[in-house]
C-alpha atoms as a PDB file:
ATOM      1  CA  MET A   1    -115.829  32.004 -68.233  1.00  0.00           C
ATOM      2  CA  GLY A   2    -112.796  33.566 -69.889  1.00  0.00           C
ATOM      3  CA  ILE A   3    -110.083  31.384 -71.358  1.00  0.00           C
ATOM      4  CA  LYS A   4    -106.669  32.001 -72.828  1.00  0.00           C
ATOM      5  CA  ILE A   5    -105.029  30.330 -75.788  1.00  0.00           C
ATOM      6  CA  GLN A   6    -101.362  29.404 -75.622  1.00  0.00           C
ATOM      7  CA  ASN A   7     -99.348  29.065 -78.836  1.00  0.00           C
ATOM      8  CA  ASN A   8     -97.078  25.989 -78.772  1.00  0.00           C
ATOM      9  CA  ALA A   9     -95.874  26.496 -82.354  1.00  0.00           C
ATOM     10  CA  ALA A  10     -92.800  28.479 -83.377  1.00  0.00           C
ATOM     11  CA  LYS A  11     -94.798  30.812 -85.655  1.00  0.00           C
ATOM     12  CA  PRO A  12     -97.713  33.147 -84.954  1.00  0.00           C
ATOM     13  CA  ILE A  13    -101.210  31.725 -85.408  1.00  0.00           C
ATOM     14  CA  TRP A  14    -104.327  33.657 -86.426  1.00  0.00           C
ATOM     15  CA  LEU A  15    -107.634  32.215 -85.301  1.00  0.00           C
ATOM     16  CA  ARG A  16    -111.079  33.021 -86.657  1.00  0.00           C
ATOM     17  CA  LEU A  17    -113.540  33.023 -83.762  1.00  0.00           C
ATOM     18  CA  ASN A  18    -117.200  31.987 -83.937  1.00  0.00           C
ATOM     19  CA  SER A  19    -118.274  35.639 -83.758  1.00  0.00           C
ATOM     20  CA  GLY A  20    -116.350  36.421 -86.951  1.00  0.00           C
ATOM     21  CA  ASN A  21    -113.549  38.282 -85.190  1.00  0.00           C
ATOM     22  CA  SER A  22    -110.009  36.981 -85.400  1.00  0.00           C
ATOM     23  CA  ILE A  23    -107.159  37.020 -82.901  1.00  0.00           C
ATOM     24  CA  SER A  24    -103.438  36.543 -83.292  1.00  0.00           C
ATOM     25  CA  VAL A  25    -101.568  34.295 -80.894  1.00  0.00           C
ATOM     26  CA  PHE A  26     -97.803  34.755 -80.861  1.00  0.00           C
ATOM     27  CA  PRO A  27     -95.320  32.278 -79.387  1.00  0.00           C
ATOM     28  CA  ASN A  28     -94.100  33.027 -75.857  1.00  0.00           C
ATOM     29  CA  GLN A  29     -96.579  35.896 -75.444  1.00  0.00           C
ATOM     30  CA  PRO A  30     -99.904  35.932 -73.628  1.00  0.00           C
ATOM     31  CA  ALA A  31    -102.954  35.768 -75.849  1.00  0.00           C
ATOM     32  CA  PRO A  32    -106.005  37.951 -75.293  1.00  0.00           C
ATOM     33  CA  GLU A  33    -108.739  36.430 -73.159  1.00  0.00           C
ATOM     34  CA  VAL A  34    -111.750  35.098 -75.089  1.00  0.00           C
ATOM     35  CA  GLU A  35    -115.074  33.648 -74.057  1.00  0.00           C
ATOM     36  CA  ASN A  36    -115.618  29.885 -74.194  1.00  0.00           C
ATOM     37  CA  ASN A  37    -118.442  30.210 -76.761  1.00  0.00           C
ATOM     38  CA  GLU A  38    -116.001  31.904 -79.180  1.00  0.00           C
ATOM     39  CA  ILE A  39    -114.084  28.651 -79.757  1.00  0.00           C
ATOM     40  CA  LYS A  40    -116.614  25.974 -78.764  1.00  0.00           C
ATOM     41  CA  GLY A  41    -117.381  23.788 -81.776  1.00  0.00           C
ATOM     42  CA  ASN A  42    -114.911  25.631 -84.009  1.00  0.00           C
ATOM     43  CA  PRO A  43    -113.307  23.029 -86.351  1.00  0.00           C
ATOM     44  CA  ALA A  44    -110.202  25.150 -87.070  1.00  0.00           C
ATOM     45  CA  VAL A  45    -109.444  25.528 -83.370  1.00  0.00           C
ATOM     46  CA  GLN A  46    -110.039  21.816 -82.802  1.00  0.00           C
ATOM     47  CA  LYS A  47    -107.535  20.926 -85.563  1.00  0.00           C
ATOM     48  CA  LEU A  48    -104.882  23.111 -83.957  1.00  0.00           C
ATOM     49  CA  ILE A  49    -105.535  21.524 -80.562  1.00  0.00           C
ATOM     50  CA  ASP A  50    -105.261  18.021 -82.083  1.00  0.00           C
ATOM     51  CA  ARG A  51    -101.923  18.966 -83.678  1.00  0.00           C
ATOM     52  CA  ASN A  52    -100.675  20.420 -80.344  1.00  0.00           C
ATOM     53  CA  ALA A  53    -100.146  23.775 -82.047  1.00  0.00           C
ATOM     54  CA  ILE A  54    -102.253  25.541 -79.400  1.00  0.00           C
ATOM     55  CA  ALA A  55    -103.422  24.773 -75.887  1.00  0.00           C
ATOM     56  CA  ILE A  56    -106.493  26.068 -74.092  1.00  0.00           C
ATOM     57  CA  VAL A  57    -105.795  27.504 -70.638  1.00  0.00           C
ATOM     58  CA  LYS A  58    -108.883  27.995 -68.514  1.00  0.00           C
ATOM     59  CA  LYS A  59    -108.691  30.994 -66.238  1.00  0.00           C
ATOM     60  CA  SER A  60    -109.624  30.179 -62.656  1.00  0.00           C
ATOM     61  CA  VAL A  61    -112.272  32.360 -61.060  1.00  0.00           C
ATOM     62  CA  ALA A  62    -111.869  33.106 -57.351  1.00  0.00           C
ATOM     63  CA  LYS A  63    -114.897  32.450 -55.155  1.00  0.00           C
ATOM     64  CA  LYS A  64    -116.410  35.384 -53.277  1.00  0.00           C
ATOM     65  CA  GLY A  65    -115.516  34.140 -49.778  1.00  0.00           C
ATOM     66  CA  SER A  66    -111.898  33.279 -50.521  1.00  0.00           C
ATOM     67  CA  SER A  67    -109.065  35.305 -49.070  1.00  0.00           C
ATOM     68  CA  GLU A  68    -107.419  35.736 -52.485  1.00  0.00           C
ATOM     69  CA  ALA A  69    -110.479  37.527 -53.855  1.00  0.00           C
ATOM     70  CA  ASN A  70    -110.542  39.960 -50.924  1.00  0.00           C
ATOM     71  CA  LYS A  71    -106.901  41.017 -51.245  1.00  0.00           C
ATOM     72  CA  LYS A  72    -106.266  44.309 -52.976  1.00  0.00           C
ATOM     73  CA  SER A  73    -102.938  45.386 -54.350  1.00  0.00           C
ATOM     74  CA  VAL A  74    -101.934  48.614 -52.663  1.00  0.00           C
ATOM     75  CA  PRO A  75     -98.831  50.352 -53.943  1.00  0.00           C
ATOM     76  CA  LYS A  76     -96.272  51.108 -51.257  1.00  0.00           C
ATOM     77  CA  LYS A  77     -95.568  54.761 -50.656  1.00  0.00           C
ATOM     78  CA  ASN A  78     -92.302  56.242 -49.570  1.00  0.00           C
ATOM     79  CA  SER A  79     -93.117  58.129 -46.372  1.00  0.00           C
ATOM     80  CA  ALA A  80     -90.826  61.048 -47.240  1.00  0.00           C
ATOM     81  CA  LYS A  81     -92.450  61.561 -50.620  1.00  0.00           C
ATOM     82  CA  ALA A  82     -95.996  60.981 -49.371  1.00  0.00           C
ATOM     83  CA  ASN A  83     -95.922  64.091 -47.160  1.00  0.00           C
ATOM     84  CA  LYS A  84     -94.819  66.488 -49.892  1.00  0.00           C
ATOM     85  CA  LYS A  85     -97.468  68.394 -51.806  1.00  0.00           C
ATOM     86  CA  PRO A  86     -97.018  68.847 -55.536  1.00  0.00           C
ATOM     87  CA  ALA A  87     -95.744  72.260 -56.548  1.00  0.00           C
ATOM     88  CA  ILE A  88     -98.201  74.514 -58.343  1.00  0.00           C
ATOM     89  CA  LYS A  89     -96.695  76.239 -61.327  1.00  0.00           C
ATOM     90  CA  LYS A  90     -97.776  79.816 -61.933  1.00  0.00           C
ATOM     91  CA  SER A  91     -98.047  81.101 -65.425  1.00  0.00           C
ATOM     92  CA  SER A  92     -95.740  83.994 -66.234  1.00  0.00           C
ATOM     93  CA  ALA A  93     -98.010  85.286 -69.012  1.00  0.00           C
ATOM     94  CA  LYS A  94    -100.292  88.171 -68.074  1.00  0.00           C
ATOM     95  CA  ALA A  95    -103.977  87.835 -68.820  1.00  0.00           C
ATOM     96  CA  THR A  96    -105.316  90.391 -71.273  1.00  0.00           C
ATOM     97  CA  ALA A  97    -108.866  91.563 -71.714  1.00  0.00           C
ATOM     98  CA  GLY A  98    -108.710  91.359 -75.484  1.00  0.00           C
ATOM     99  CA  PRO A  99    -107.472  93.470 -78.348  1.00  0.00           C
ATOM    100  CA  LYS A 100    -106.694  97.103 -77.666  1.00  0.00           C
ATOM    101  CA  GLN A 101    -109.426  99.476 -78.617  1.00  0.00           C
ATOM    102  CA  THR A 102    -108.665 102.242 -81.025  1.00  0.00           C
ATOM    103  CA  LYS A 103    -110.328 105.648 -81.217  1.00  0.00           C
ATOM    104  CA  ASP A 104    -112.601 104.391 -84.016  1.00  0.00           C
ATOM    105  CA  MET A 105    -113.836 101.464 -81.928  1.00  0.00           C
ATOM    106  CA  LYS A 106    -114.735 103.579 -78.909  1.00  0.00           C
ATOM    107  CA  LYS A 107    -117.367 105.582 -80.820  1.00  0.00           C
END
């Protein structure tokens, strides 16, 4: 299950994950999603949680039968623009077969 880390401190925090990778968590910005095993049992993360410098936010996973999981976001189209086809631009440059042959090349 993916989780997010929220920075409650005024300064950015860099965390070393169990895999050896590190992430930066900035105040008032969303942190990248990490797996639970990346921070489970990590003493540095636990210290920051105890000091209220960071908070762990568990991401909820929608169940397969729920109506929220079945909804898809469909962008709305303007009906006037939807009927127009995109214009195809023609190149003004003429295609050439290659360099011009001279009398010496023809032999």
